[in-house]
C-alpha cells in the first residue's frame, strides 16, 4: 500500500494542513499555508495570535496525534498538552524569535516529543485499553453500514501503526497523514532527510507485510 491501496491513513474528514488553514496548500513559509499569517498574528498580540494558531493547526495536530497513539481520548490529551506547552513557550519568546518561528513544524515537534515521552513512561503504567477507541471522525451523511466499515478500518489501521517502531510510525504519519514535506519532517524529528526517507520506506513496507499477514490469517 502506498498505504493508499489498502487502508487510508488520514482520518476521514480530517483536512490537509492547507485546507485546515483556509489557504491554498503549499503557500507561505516552506509549504506551510498558514505560517506567515500565524506569525503575524502572534507578533501583534500573543493571546489573539495563539487563537489564530490553534484554529489553523488543531486539525493536523489532532490527526497526527490520533494516528500516532491510536486512541481518540489519548489523542485529545496529546493535542491539548502540545498546545499548552506551545503557549507557555511563547510567553517567554521575544519578537525576533516569534518572527523566525515556523509554527507548523514547531507545534508538531512539540507534539511528537510529548508522544515519545509518553512511550518512555508507558511501561510504568497499566496497559491501555483496546484500539477500538480510535474511530475516524463521523460523517453525518453516511449510512450505518458505511460507518461500521469505516470504524473497523480505523481500528485496523491503528493496530497496524502500533506495530511499527516509533521512528517509522512518526515518519509515516507525518508524511501521509499530515502531508509534510520530507525536509519539514526532518526538522520535526531532528534527523537527516535521508533518514526520514528510510523510515517512511521501511514503515510502509512493514505496513504492507502486516496487512498481508492479517488478511492471510483471516482467510485461514
N, C-alpha and C. Protein backbone atom coordinates (compact mmCIF):
# COMPACT_ATOMS: atom_id res chain seq x y z
N UNK A 1 0.85 -1.16 0.00
CA UNK A 1 0.00 0.00 0.00
C UNK A 1 0.88 1.20 0.00
N UNK A 2 0.82 2.01 -0.94
CA UNK A 2 1.36 3.30 -0.64
C UNK A 2 0.38 3.67 0.41
N UNK A 3 0.10 2.93 1.23
CA UNK A 3 -0.96 2.71 2.17
C UNK A 3 -2.21 3.24 1.56
N UNK A 4 -2.24 3.47 0.37
CA UNK A 4 -3.31 4.11 -0.34
C UNK A 4 -4.23 3.07 -0.90
N UNK A 5 -3.65 1.92 -1.31
CA UNK A 5 -4.45 0.90 -1.96
C UNK A 5 -5.18 0.03 -0.96
N UNK A 6 -4.73 0.04 0.29
CA UNK A 6 -5.29 -0.91 1.24
C UNK A 6 -5.99 -0.25 2.41
N UNK A 7 -5.34 0.71 3.02
CA UNK A 7 -6.01 1.40 4.12
C UNK A 7 -5.66 2.87 4.03
N UNK A 8 -6.61 3.74 4.23
CA UNK A 8 -6.33 5.16 4.19
C UNK A 8 -5.78 5.59 5.53
N UNK A 9 -4.63 6.26 5.51
CA UNK A 9 -4.02 6.67 6.77
C UNK A 9 -4.70 7.90 7.34
N UNK A 10 -5.08 8.85 6.49
CA UNK A 10 -5.66 10.08 7.02
C UNK A 10 -7.07 9.83 7.51
N UNK A 11 -7.40 10.26 8.74
CA UNK A 11 -8.77 10.09 9.24
C UNK A 11 -9.77 10.78 8.33
N UNK A 12 -10.91 10.12 8.10
CA UNK A 12 -11.94 10.71 7.26
C UNK A 12 -12.37 12.05 7.83
N UNK A 13 -12.51 13.02 6.94
CA UNK A 13 -12.96 14.35 7.38
C UNK A 13 -11.87 15.21 7.93
N UNK A 14 -10.64 14.67 8.07
CA UNK A 14 -9.54 15.49 8.59
C UNK A 14 -8.85 16.17 7.43
N UNK A 15 -8.91 17.52 7.35
CA UNK A 15 -8.35 18.22 6.22
C UNK A 15 -6.84 18.21 6.24
N UNK A 16 -6.24 18.37 5.05
CA UNK A 16 -4.80 18.58 4.99
C UNK A 16 -4.49 19.92 5.58
N UNK A 17 -3.21 20.17 5.89
CA UNK A 17 -2.82 21.38 6.58
C UNK A 17 -3.30 22.64 5.87
N UNK A 18 -3.12 22.72 4.57
CA UNK A 18 -3.51 23.92 3.87
C UNK A 18 -5.00 24.15 3.95
N UNK A 19 -5.78 23.06 3.83
CA UNK A 19 -7.22 23.19 3.91
C UNK A 19 -7.65 23.61 5.30
N UNK A 20 -6.98 23.09 6.33
CA UNK A 20 -7.34 23.45 7.69
C UNK A 20 -7.08 24.91 7.93
N UNK A 21 -6.07 25.44 7.28
CA UNK A 21 -5.72 26.82 7.49
C UNK A 21 -6.58 27.76 6.68
N UNK A 22 -7.31 27.25 5.72
CA UNK A 22 -8.14 28.10 4.91
C UNK A 22 -7.36 28.79 3.81
N UNK A 23 -6.17 28.33 3.49
CA UNK A 23 -5.33 28.90 2.47
C UNK A 23 -4.95 27.83 1.48
N UNK A 24 -4.52 28.22 0.26
CA UNK A 24 -4.09 27.22 -0.70
C UNK A 24 -2.95 26.39 -0.15
N UNK A 25 -3.02 25.07 -0.29
CA UNK A 25 -1.96 24.20 0.24
C UNK A 25 -0.65 24.51 -0.44
N UNK A 26 0.41 24.56 0.37
CA UNK A 26 1.73 24.77 -0.18
C UNK A 26 2.15 26.21 -0.22
N UNK A 27 1.24 27.16 0.03
CA UNK A 27 1.62 28.56 0.01
C UNK A 27 2.26 28.92 1.33
N UNK A 28 2.97 30.04 1.35
CA UNK A 28 3.52 30.53 2.62
C UNK A 28 4.83 29.89 2.98
N UNK A 29 5.19 29.97 4.28
CA UNK A 29 6.53 29.57 4.72
C UNK A 29 6.81 28.11 4.57
N UNK A 30 7.67 27.79 3.62
CA UNK A 30 8.13 26.43 3.45
C UNK A 30 7.02 25.44 3.25
N UNK A 31 5.97 25.81 2.50
CA UNK A 31 4.87 24.89 2.29
C UNK A 31 3.81 24.96 3.37
N UNK A 32 4.00 25.75 4.40
CA UNK A 32 3.03 25.91 5.48
C UNK A 32 2.11 27.07 5.11
N UNK A 33 0.90 26.73 4.66
CA UNK A 33 -0.01 27.73 4.12
C UNK A 33 -0.36 28.82 5.12
N UNK A 34 -0.47 28.47 6.39
CA UNK A 34 -0.92 29.42 7.40
C UNK A 34 0.22 30.08 8.16
N UNK A 35 1.46 29.65 7.91
CA UNK A 35 2.57 30.06 8.74
C UNK A 35 2.76 31.56 8.87
N UNK A 36 2.79 32.27 7.74
CA UNK A 36 3.04 33.71 7.78
C UNK A 36 1.91 34.43 8.51
N UNK A 37 0.69 33.98 8.28
CA UNK A 37 -0.46 34.62 8.94
C UNK A 37 -0.41 34.41 10.45
N UNK A 38 -0.04 33.21 10.86
CA UNK A 38 0.04 32.91 12.29
C UNK A 38 1.16 33.72 12.95
N UNK A 39 2.31 33.79 12.31
CA UNK A 39 3.43 34.56 12.87
C UNK A 39 3.06 36.03 12.99
N UNK A 40 2.39 36.57 11.98
CA UNK A 40 1.97 37.97 12.04
C UNK A 40 1.00 38.21 13.19
N UNK A 41 0.08 37.27 13.38
CA UNK A 41 -0.90 37.41 14.47
C UNK A 41 -0.21 37.31 15.83
N UNK A 42 0.74 36.39 15.97
CA UNK A 42 1.47 36.25 17.23
C UNK A 42 2.31 37.49 17.53
N UNK A 43 2.86 38.09 16.49
CA UNK A 43 3.68 39.28 16.68
C UNK A 43 2.86 40.47 17.15
N UNK A 44 1.58 40.50 16.74
CA UNK A 44 0.74 41.61 17.14
C UNK A 44 0.15 41.47 18.52
N UNK A 45 -0.26 40.25 18.87
CA UNK A 45 -0.90 40.02 20.16
C UNK A 45 -0.78 38.53 20.49
N UNK A 46 -0.15 38.21 21.60
CA UNK A 46 0.13 36.81 21.91
C UNK A 46 -1.14 36.00 22.07
N UNK A 47 -2.09 36.46 22.87
CA UNK A 47 -3.31 35.69 23.10
C UNK A 47 -4.14 35.56 21.83
N UNK A 48 -4.33 36.69 21.14
CA UNK A 48 -5.08 36.64 19.89
C UNK A 48 -4.37 35.80 18.85
N UNK A 49 -3.04 35.93 18.78
CA UNK A 49 -2.27 35.14 17.82
C UNK A 49 -2.31 33.66 18.13
N UNK A 50 -2.33 33.33 19.42
CA UNK A 50 -2.41 31.91 19.80
C UNK A 50 -3.74 31.32 19.35
N UNK A 51 -4.82 32.11 19.45
CA UNK A 51 -6.13 31.63 18.98
C UNK A 51 -6.09 31.38 17.48
N UNK A 52 -5.42 32.25 16.73
CA UNK A 52 -5.28 32.06 15.29
C UNK A 52 -4.48 30.79 15.01
N UNK A 53 -3.41 30.58 15.76
CA UNK A 53 -2.58 29.39 15.58
C UNK A 53 -3.37 28.12 15.89
N UNK A 54 -4.15 28.15 16.95
CA UNK A 54 -4.94 26.98 17.33
C UNK A 54 -5.95 26.62 16.23
N UNK A 55 -6.65 27.63 15.71
CA UNK A 55 -7.63 27.37 14.67
C UNK A 55 -6.96 26.85 13.40
N UNK A 56 -5.76 27.35 13.11
CA UNK A 56 -5.06 26.94 11.89
C UNK A 56 -4.55 25.52 11.96
N UNK A 57 -4.13 25.08 13.15
CA UNK A 57 -3.40 23.81 13.25
C UNK A 57 -4.07 22.74 14.09
N UNK A 58 -5.23 23.01 14.66
CA UNK A 58 -5.82 21.99 15.53
C UNK A 58 -6.17 20.73 14.74
N UNK A 59 -6.58 20.88 13.48
CA UNK A 59 -6.89 19.72 12.65
C UNK A 59 -5.69 18.82 12.41
N UNK A 60 -4.61 19.34 11.83
CA UNK A 60 -3.44 18.50 11.59
C UNK A 60 -2.79 17.99 12.86
N UNK A 61 -2.81 18.78 13.94
CA UNK A 61 -2.21 18.32 15.19
C UNK A 61 -3.00 17.13 15.74
N UNK A 62 -4.33 17.23 15.73
CA UNK A 62 -5.13 16.13 16.25
C UNK A 62 -5.03 14.89 15.36
N UNK A 63 -5.08 15.08 14.03
CA UNK A 63 -4.97 13.94 13.12
C UNK A 63 -3.64 13.21 13.31
N UNK A 64 -2.57 13.97 13.47
CA UNK A 64 -1.26 13.38 13.71
C UNK A 64 -1.25 12.62 15.03
N UNK A 65 -1.79 13.25 16.07
CA UNK A 65 -1.82 12.60 17.39
C UNK A 65 -2.63 11.31 17.35
N UNK A 66 -3.77 11.33 16.64
CA UNK A 66 -4.64 10.15 16.59
C UNK A 66 -3.94 8.97 15.94
N UNK A 67 -3.22 9.24 14.85
CA UNK A 67 -2.55 8.14 14.17
C UNK A 67 -1.26 7.72 14.87
N UNK A 68 -0.69 8.60 15.67
CA UNK A 68 0.48 8.21 16.45
C UNK A 68 0.11 7.28 17.60
N UNK A 69 -0.97 7.62 18.31
CA UNK A 69 -1.29 6.86 19.53
C UNK A 69 -2.42 5.85 19.32
N UNK A 70 -3.29 6.06 18.33
CA UNK A 70 -4.34 5.09 18.02
C UNK A 70 -5.57 5.15 18.88
N UNK A 71 -5.66 6.11 19.79
CA UNK A 71 -6.82 6.21 20.68
C UNK A 71 -7.32 7.64 20.73
N UNK A 72 -8.62 7.79 20.55
CA UNK A 72 -9.22 9.12 20.43
C UNK A 72 -8.96 9.97 21.67
N UNK A 73 -9.28 9.43 22.85
CA UNK A 73 -9.12 10.21 24.08
C UNK A 73 -7.66 10.58 24.32
N UNK A 74 -6.76 9.64 24.03
CA UNK A 74 -5.34 9.93 24.21
C UNK A 74 -4.87 10.99 23.22
N UNK A 75 -5.41 10.95 22.00
CA UNK A 75 -5.05 11.96 21.00
C UNK A 75 -5.51 13.35 21.44
N UNK A 76 -6.68 13.42 22.05
CA UNK A 76 -7.16 14.70 22.57
C UNK A 76 -6.22 15.22 23.66
N UNK A 77 -5.78 14.31 24.54
CA UNK A 77 -4.86 14.71 25.61
C UNK A 77 -3.52 15.17 25.04
N UNK A 78 -3.00 14.42 24.05
CA UNK A 78 -1.72 14.79 23.44
C UNK A 78 -1.82 16.16 22.77
N UNK A 79 -2.90 16.38 22.04
CA UNK A 79 -3.08 17.66 21.35
C UNK A 79 -3.17 18.81 22.35
N UNK A 80 -3.97 18.61 23.40
CA UNK A 80 -4.12 19.66 24.41
C UNK A 80 -2.79 19.97 25.08
N UNK A 81 -2.02 18.93 25.40
CA UNK A 81 -0.72 19.13 26.05
C UNK A 81 0.25 19.86 25.12
N UNK A 82 0.21 19.52 23.83
CA UNK A 82 1.09 20.19 22.87
C UNK A 82 0.77 21.68 22.78
N UNK A 83 -0.50 22.02 22.70
CA UNK A 83 -0.87 23.44 22.61
C UNK A 83 -0.57 24.17 23.92
N UNK A 84 -0.75 23.49 25.04
CA UNK A 84 -0.44 24.11 26.33
C UNK A 84 1.05 24.42 26.42
N UNK A 85 1.88 23.46 26.03
CA UNK A 85 3.33 23.69 26.07
C UNK A 85 3.74 24.79 25.09
N UNK A 86 3.06 24.82 23.95
CA UNK A 86 3.37 25.86 22.97
C UNK A 86 3.06 27.24 23.54
N UNK A 87 1.92 27.37 24.21
CA UNK A 87 1.56 28.69 24.77
C UNK A 87 2.56 29.11 25.84
N UNK A 88 2.92 28.17 26.71
CA UNK A 88 3.89 28.50 27.76
C UNK A 88 5.22 28.94 27.16
N UNK A 89 5.64 28.26 26.10
CA UNK A 89 6.89 28.62 25.45
C UNK A 89 6.80 30.01 24.83
N UNK A 90 5.68 30.28 24.16
CA UNK A 90 5.51 31.58 23.50
C UNK A 90 5.56 32.74 24.49
N UNK A 91 5.11 32.48 25.71
CA UNK A 91 5.13 33.55 26.73
C UNK A 91 6.55 34.01 27.02
N UNK A 92 7.55 33.16 26.76
CA UNK A 92 8.93 33.53 27.00
C UNK A 92 9.69 33.93 25.75
N UNK A 93 9.01 33.97 24.58
CA UNK A 93 9.67 34.30 23.33
C UNK A 93 9.65 35.81 23.08
N UNK A 94 10.77 36.33 22.63
CA UNK A 94 10.83 37.72 22.22
C UNK A 94 10.37 37.90 20.78
N UNK A 95 10.23 39.16 20.33
CA UNK A 95 9.73 39.44 18.97
C UNK A 95 10.56 38.77 17.87
N UNK A 96 11.89 38.75 18.02
CA UNK A 96 12.71 38.16 16.97
C UNK A 96 12.50 36.65 16.86
N UNK A 97 12.38 36.01 17.99
CA UNK A 97 12.18 34.55 17.97
C UNK A 97 10.82 34.20 17.38
N UNK A 98 9.80 34.98 17.71
CA UNK A 98 8.48 34.75 17.13
C UNK A 98 8.51 34.97 15.62
N UNK A 99 9.23 36.01 15.19
CA UNK A 99 9.31 36.31 13.76
C UNK A 99 9.97 35.18 12.98
N UNK A 100 10.89 34.46 13.61
CA UNK A 100 11.60 33.36 12.95
C UNK A 100 10.88 32.02 13.08
N UNK A 101 9.73 32.02 13.75
CA UNK A 101 9.04 30.77 14.05
C UNK A 101 8.47 30.12 12.78
N UNK A 102 8.61 28.82 12.70
CA UNK A 102 7.92 28.00 11.68
C UNK A 102 6.85 27.22 12.44
N UNK A 103 5.66 27.81 12.58
CA UNK A 103 4.70 27.31 13.57
C UNK A 103 4.25 25.87 13.38
N UNK A 104 4.04 25.43 12.14
CA UNK A 104 3.58 24.05 11.95
C UNK A 104 4.63 23.05 12.41
N UNK A 105 5.85 23.21 11.91
CA UNK A 105 6.93 22.29 12.31
C UNK A 105 7.18 22.37 13.81
N UNK A 106 7.10 23.56 14.36
CA UNK A 106 7.34 23.77 15.79
C UNK A 106 6.29 23.03 16.62
N UNK A 107 5.02 23.20 16.26
CA UNK A 107 3.94 22.53 17.00
C UNK A 107 4.05 21.01 16.91
N UNK A 108 4.33 20.51 15.71
CA UNK A 108 4.42 19.06 15.54
C UNK A 108 5.66 18.48 16.22
N UNK A 109 6.71 19.28 16.33
CA UNK A 109 7.87 18.85 17.11
C UNK A 109 7.49 18.70 18.58
N UNK A 110 6.76 19.67 19.11
CA UNK A 110 6.28 19.58 20.49
C UNK A 110 5.40 18.35 20.67
N UNK A 111 4.48 18.14 19.72
CA UNK A 111 3.56 17.00 19.81
C UNK A 111 4.31 15.67 19.80
N UNK A 112 5.23 15.50 18.86
CA UNK A 112 5.96 14.23 18.78
C UNK A 112 6.83 14.01 20.01
N UNK A 113 7.37 15.09 20.57
CA UNK A 113 8.17 14.94 21.80
C UNK A 113 7.29 14.50 22.97
N UNK A 114 6.09 15.08 23.07
CA UNK A 114 5.16 14.67 24.12
C UNK A 114 4.80 13.20 23.95
N UNK A 115 4.54 12.79 22.72
CA UNK A 115 4.20 11.39 22.44
C UNK A 115 5.37 10.46 22.78
N UNK A 116 6.57 10.83 22.38
CA UNK A 116 7.74 9.99 22.68
C UNK A 116 7.97 9.87 24.19
N UNK A 117 7.80 10.98 24.90
CA UNK A 117 7.95 10.94 26.36
C UNK A 117 6.93 9.98 26.97
N UNK A 118 5.72 9.98 26.41
CA UNK A 118 4.70 9.06 26.89
C UNK A 118 5.07 7.61 26.65
N UNK A 119 5.69 7.33 25.50
CA UNK A 119 6.13 5.96 25.22
C UNK A 119 7.16 5.50 26.23
N UNK A 120 8.05 6.41 26.62
CA UNK A 120 9.13 6.04 27.55
C UNK A 120 8.57 5.66 28.93
N UNK A 121 7.47 6.29 29.31
CA UNK A 121 6.91 6.01 30.64
C UNK A 121 5.78 4.99 30.61
N UNK A 122 5.42 4.51 29.40
CA UNK A 122 4.27 3.61 29.28
C UNK A 122 4.47 2.32 30.05
N UNK A 123 5.71 1.85 30.15
CA UNK A 123 5.96 0.58 30.84
C UNK A 123 5.64 0.66 32.32
N UNK A 124 5.62 1.87 32.85
CA UNK A 124 5.34 2.02 34.29
C UNK A 124 3.87 2.27 34.58
N UNK A 125 3.03 2.20 33.52
CA UNK A 125 1.61 2.44 33.69
C UNK A 125 0.82 1.18 33.36
N UNK A 126 -0.45 1.09 33.80
CA UNK A 126 -1.28 -0.05 33.42
C UNK A 126 -1.44 -0.09 31.91
N UNK A 127 -1.60 -1.26 31.30
CA UNK A 127 -1.77 -1.34 29.85
C UNK A 127 -3.01 -0.59 29.40
N UNK A 128 -2.94 0.10 28.24
CA UNK A 128 -4.09 0.86 27.76
C UNK A 128 -5.20 -0.05 27.28
N UNK A 129 -6.35 0.54 27.04
CA UNK A 129 -7.47 -0.22 26.53
C UNK A 129 -7.26 -0.60 25.08
N UNK A 130 -8.19 -1.37 24.51
CA UNK A 130 -8.07 -1.80 23.12
C UNK A 130 -8.13 -0.62 22.17
N UNK A 131 -7.66 -0.84 20.93
CA UNK A 131 -7.57 0.23 19.96
C UNK A 131 -8.91 0.54 19.30
N UNK A 132 -10.00 0.06 19.88
CA UNK A 132 -11.30 0.32 19.28
C UNK A 132 -11.77 1.73 19.57
N UNK A 133 -11.07 2.47 20.39
CA UNK A 133 -11.49 3.83 20.75
C UNK A 133 -10.93 4.87 19.81
N UNK A 134 -10.45 4.47 18.62
CA UNK A 134 -9.86 5.42 17.69
C UNK A 134 -10.57 5.41 16.35
N UNK A 135 -11.90 5.62 16.33
CA UNK A 135 -12.58 5.69 15.04
C UNK A 135 -12.23 6.98 14.33
N UNK A 136 -12.46 7.00 13.02
CA UNK A 136 -12.30 8.24 12.30
C UNK A 136 -13.46 9.16 12.61
N UNK A 137 -13.29 10.49 12.44
CA UNK A 137 -14.39 11.41 12.70
C UNK A 137 -15.63 11.04 11.90
N UNK A 138 -16.81 11.08 12.53
CA UNK A 138 -18.03 10.62 11.84
C UNK A 138 -18.46 11.57 10.73
N UNK A 139 -19.11 11.01 9.73
CA UNK A 139 -19.70 11.79 8.64
C UNK A 139 -21.20 11.68 8.79
N UNK A 140 -21.90 12.78 9.11
CA UNK A 140 -23.34 12.70 9.35
C UNK A 140 -24.12 12.18 8.16
N UNK A 141 -23.56 12.25 6.94
CA UNK A 141 -24.29 11.86 5.74
C UNK A 141 -24.18 10.37 5.43
N UNK A 142 -23.26 9.66 6.08
CA UNK A 142 -23.06 8.27 5.71
C UNK A 142 -24.03 7.35 6.41
N UNK A 143 -24.25 6.19 5.81
CA UNK A 143 -25.16 5.22 6.37
C UNK A 143 -24.53 4.40 7.47
N UNK A 144 -25.36 3.60 8.13
CA UNK A 144 -24.88 2.81 9.26
C UNK A 144 -23.83 1.80 8.81
N UNK A 145 -24.05 1.12 7.68
CA UNK A 145 -23.10 0.11 7.21
C UNK A 145 -21.75 0.74 6.86
N UNK A 146 -21.79 1.89 6.18
CA UNK A 146 -20.54 2.57 5.83
C UNK A 146 -19.80 3.03 7.08
N UNK A 147 -20.56 3.53 8.06
CA UNK A 147 -19.93 3.98 9.30
C UNK A 147 -19.27 2.82 10.03
N UNK A 148 -19.93 1.67 10.04
CA UNK A 148 -19.35 0.49 10.70
C UNK A 148 -18.08 0.04 9.99
N UNK A 149 -18.11 0.05 8.66
CA UNK A 149 -16.93 -0.36 7.90
C UNK A 149 -15.78 0.60 8.14
N UNK A 150 -16.08 1.90 8.20
CA UNK A 150 -15.04 2.89 8.42
C UNK A 150 -14.45 2.73 9.82
N UNK A 151 -15.29 2.43 10.80
CA UNK A 151 -14.82 2.23 12.16
C UNK A 151 -13.85 1.04 12.20
N UNK A 152 -14.21 -0.03 11.52
CA UNK A 152 -13.33 -1.21 11.50
C UNK A 152 -12.01 -0.90 10.83
N UNK A 153 -12.06 -0.11 9.72
CA UNK A 153 -10.83 0.25 9.03
C UNK A 153 -9.94 1.11 9.92
N UNK A 154 -10.56 2.06 10.64
CA UNK A 154 -9.78 2.91 11.54
C UNK A 154 -9.13 2.12 12.66
N UNK A 155 -9.86 1.14 13.20
CA UNK A 155 -9.31 0.31 14.26
C UNK A 155 -8.18 -0.58 13.72
N UNK A 156 -8.39 -1.12 12.50
CA UNK A 156 -7.36 -1.95 11.88
C UNK A 156 -6.09 -1.15 11.66
N UNK A 157 -6.24 0.06 11.13
CA UNK A 157 -5.07 0.89 10.86
C UNK A 157 -4.35 1.26 12.15
N UNK A 158 -5.11 1.57 13.20
CA UNK A 158 -4.47 1.89 14.48
C UNK A 158 -3.64 0.72 14.97
N UNK A 159 -4.18 -0.48 14.79
CA UNK A 159 -3.43 -1.66 15.21
C UNK A 159 -2.17 -1.87 14.39
N UNK A 160 -2.25 -1.64 13.07
CA UNK A 160 -1.08 -1.81 12.21
C UNK A 160 -0.01 -0.79 12.54
N UNK A 161 -0.41 0.47 12.69
CA UNK A 161 0.57 1.51 13.01
C UNK A 161 1.24 1.27 14.36
N UNK A 162 0.48 0.71 15.30
CA UNK A 162 1.04 0.44 16.62
C UNK A 162 2.15 -0.60 16.57
N UNK A 163 2.20 -1.39 15.49
CA UNK A 163 3.24 -2.41 15.35
C UNK A 163 4.55 -1.84 14.83
N UNK A 164 4.52 -0.62 14.33
CA UNK A 164 5.74 -0.01 13.78
C UNK A 164 6.63 0.52 14.91
N UNK A 165 7.95 0.48 14.73
CA UNK A 165 8.84 1.18 15.65
C UNK A 165 8.48 2.67 15.68
N UNK A 166 8.72 3.32 16.80
CA UNK A 166 8.26 4.70 16.99
C UNK A 166 8.73 5.63 15.88
N UNK A 167 9.99 5.54 15.47
CA UNK A 167 10.52 6.45 14.45
C UNK A 167 9.82 6.23 13.11
N UNK A 168 9.59 4.98 12.74
CA UNK A 168 8.90 4.69 11.48
C UNK A 168 7.45 5.17 11.54
N UNK A 169 6.81 4.94 12.68
CA UNK A 169 5.42 5.36 12.81
C UNK A 169 5.30 6.87 12.68
N UNK A 170 6.20 7.60 13.36
CA UNK A 170 6.15 9.06 13.29
C UNK A 170 6.39 9.55 11.87
N UNK A 171 7.38 8.96 11.19
CA UNK A 171 7.70 9.40 9.83
C UNK A 171 6.54 9.13 8.87
N UNK A 172 5.94 7.94 8.96
CA UNK A 172 4.82 7.60 8.08
C UNK A 172 3.63 8.51 8.35
N UNK A 173 3.32 8.74 9.61
CA UNK A 173 2.18 9.58 9.95
C UNK A 173 2.40 11.02 9.50
N UNK A 174 3.58 11.56 9.76
CA UNK A 174 3.86 12.94 9.37
C UNK A 174 3.83 13.10 7.85
N UNK A 175 4.27 12.06 7.13
CA UNK A 175 4.30 12.15 5.67
C UNK A 175 2.93 11.94 5.06
N UNK A 176 2.18 10.93 5.54
CA UNK A 176 0.96 10.51 4.86
C UNK A 176 -0.33 10.93 5.57
N UNK A 177 -0.25 11.39 6.80
CA UNK A 177 -1.42 11.95 7.47
C UNK A 177 -1.37 13.47 7.40
N UNK A 178 -0.23 14.01 7.80
CA UNK A 178 -0.10 15.46 7.90
C UNK A 178 0.39 16.09 6.60
N UNK A 179 0.81 15.27 5.65
CA UNK A 179 1.27 15.74 4.34
C UNK A 179 2.48 16.67 4.43
N UNK A 180 3.35 16.45 5.39
CA UNK A 180 4.54 17.29 5.49
C UNK A 180 5.55 16.89 4.43
N UNK A 181 6.29 17.86 3.87
CA UNK A 181 7.41 17.51 3.00
C UNK A 181 8.52 16.87 3.82
N UNK A 182 9.39 16.13 3.15
CA UNK A 182 10.46 15.41 3.83
C UNK A 182 11.34 16.35 4.64
N UNK A 183 11.64 17.53 4.08
CA UNK A 183 12.51 18.48 4.78
C UNK A 183 11.90 18.91 6.11
N UNK A 184 10.60 19.09 6.13
CA UNK A 184 9.94 19.52 7.37
C UNK A 184 9.85 18.37 8.38
N UNK A 185 9.65 17.16 7.88
CA UNK A 185 9.65 16.00 8.79
C UNK A 185 11.02 15.86 9.43
N UNK A 186 12.07 16.09 8.65
CA UNK A 186 13.43 16.02 9.20
C UNK A 186 13.61 17.04 10.31
N UNK A 187 13.02 18.22 10.13
CA UNK A 187 13.09 19.25 11.16
C UNK A 187 12.33 18.83 12.41
N UNK A 188 11.14 18.27 12.22
CA UNK A 188 10.31 17.84 13.34
C UNK A 188 10.99 16.72 14.13
N UNK A 189 11.55 15.74 13.40
CA UNK A 189 12.12 14.56 14.05
C UNK A 189 13.57 14.76 14.46
N UNK A 190 14.20 15.81 13.96
CA UNK A 190 15.59 16.06 14.32
C UNK A 190 16.56 15.07 13.73
N UNK A 191 16.27 14.63 12.48
CA UNK A 191 17.14 13.66 11.80
C UNK A 191 17.38 14.14 10.37
N UNK A 192 18.39 13.60 9.68
CA UNK A 192 18.62 13.98 8.28
C UNK A 192 17.46 13.55 7.38
N UNK A 193 17.34 14.22 6.22
CA UNK A 193 16.26 13.89 5.29
C UNK A 193 16.37 12.45 4.80
N UNK A 194 17.60 11.97 4.58
CA UNK A 194 17.77 10.59 4.14
C UNK A 194 17.23 9.59 5.15
N UNK A 195 17.38 9.92 6.42
CA UNK A 195 16.86 9.05 7.47
C UNK A 195 15.33 9.05 7.46
N UNK A 196 14.74 10.22 7.21
CA UNK A 196 13.28 10.30 7.11
C UNK A 196 12.79 9.41 5.97
N UNK A 197 13.43 9.52 4.81
CA UNK A 197 13.01 8.71 3.66
C UNK A 197 13.12 7.22 3.98
N UNK A 198 14.17 6.85 4.68
CA UNK A 198 14.35 5.45 5.06
C UNK A 198 13.26 5.00 6.01
N UNK A 199 12.95 5.84 7.01
CA UNK A 199 11.89 5.50 7.97
C UNK A 199 10.54 5.34 7.26
N UNK A 200 10.24 6.25 6.34
CA UNK A 200 8.96 6.18 5.62
C UNK A 200 8.90 4.91 4.77
N UNK A 201 9.98 4.66 4.01
CA UNK A 201 10.01 3.50 3.13
C UNK A 201 9.89 2.19 3.92
N UNK A 202 10.66 2.08 5.00
CA UNK A 202 10.61 0.86 5.80
C UNK A 202 9.28 0.72 6.53
N UNK A 203 8.74 1.85 6.99
CA UNK A 203 7.46 1.80 7.67
C UNK A 203 6.34 1.35 6.75
N UNK A 204 6.31 1.88 5.52
CA UNK A 204 5.27 1.47 4.57
C UNK A 204 5.44 0.00 4.19
N UNK A 205 6.70 -0.43 4.01
CA UNK A 205 6.93 -1.84 3.67
C UNK A 205 6.44 -2.74 4.80
N UNK A 206 6.69 -2.33 6.02
CA UNK A 206 6.25 -3.15 7.15
C UNK A 206 4.72 -3.15 7.26
N UNK A 207 4.09 -2.01 6.99
CA UNK A 207 2.63 -1.97 7.00
C UNK A 207 2.05 -2.91 5.95
N UNK A 208 2.69 -2.96 4.77
CA UNK A 208 2.23 -3.88 3.73
C UNK A 208 2.29 -5.32 4.23
N UNK A 209 3.42 -5.68 4.84
CA UNK A 209 3.58 -7.06 5.32
C UNK A 209 2.57 -7.38 6.41
N UNK A 210 2.40 -6.44 7.33
CA UNK A 210 1.46 -6.66 8.42
C UNK A 210 0.04 -6.82 7.89
N UNK A 211 -0.32 -5.97 6.94
CA UNK A 211 -1.66 -6.04 6.37
C UNK A 211 -1.86 -7.36 5.62
N UNK A 212 -0.83 -7.76 4.89
CA UNK A 212 -0.91 -9.02 4.15
C UNK A 212 -1.05 -10.20 5.11
N UNK A 213 -0.24 -10.19 6.17
CA UNK A 213 -0.32 -11.28 7.15
C UNK A 213 -1.67 -11.31 7.83
N UNK A 214 -2.21 -10.12 8.10
CA UNK A 214 -3.51 -10.04 8.77
C UNK A 214 -4.60 -10.60 7.89
N UNK A 215 -4.57 -10.24 6.60
CA UNK A 215 -5.58 -10.75 5.67
C UNK A 215 -5.43 -12.25 5.49
N UNK A 216 -4.16 -12.74 5.42
CA UNK A 216 -3.93 -14.16 5.27
C UNK A 216 -4.44 -14.93 6.47
N UNK A 217 -4.21 -14.37 7.67
CA UNK A 217 -4.68 -15.03 8.89
C UNK A 217 -6.18 -15.10 8.93
N UNK A 218 -6.84 -14.01 8.44
CA UNK A 218 -8.29 -14.00 8.41
C UNK A 218 -8.84 -15.05 7.45
N UNK A 219 -8.10 -15.20 6.30
CA UNK A 219 -8.56 -16.17 5.30
C UNK A 219 -8.45 -17.59 5.85
N UNK A 220 -7.35 -17.84 6.59
CA UNK A 220 -7.18 -19.19 7.14
C UNK A 220 -8.22 -19.47 8.22
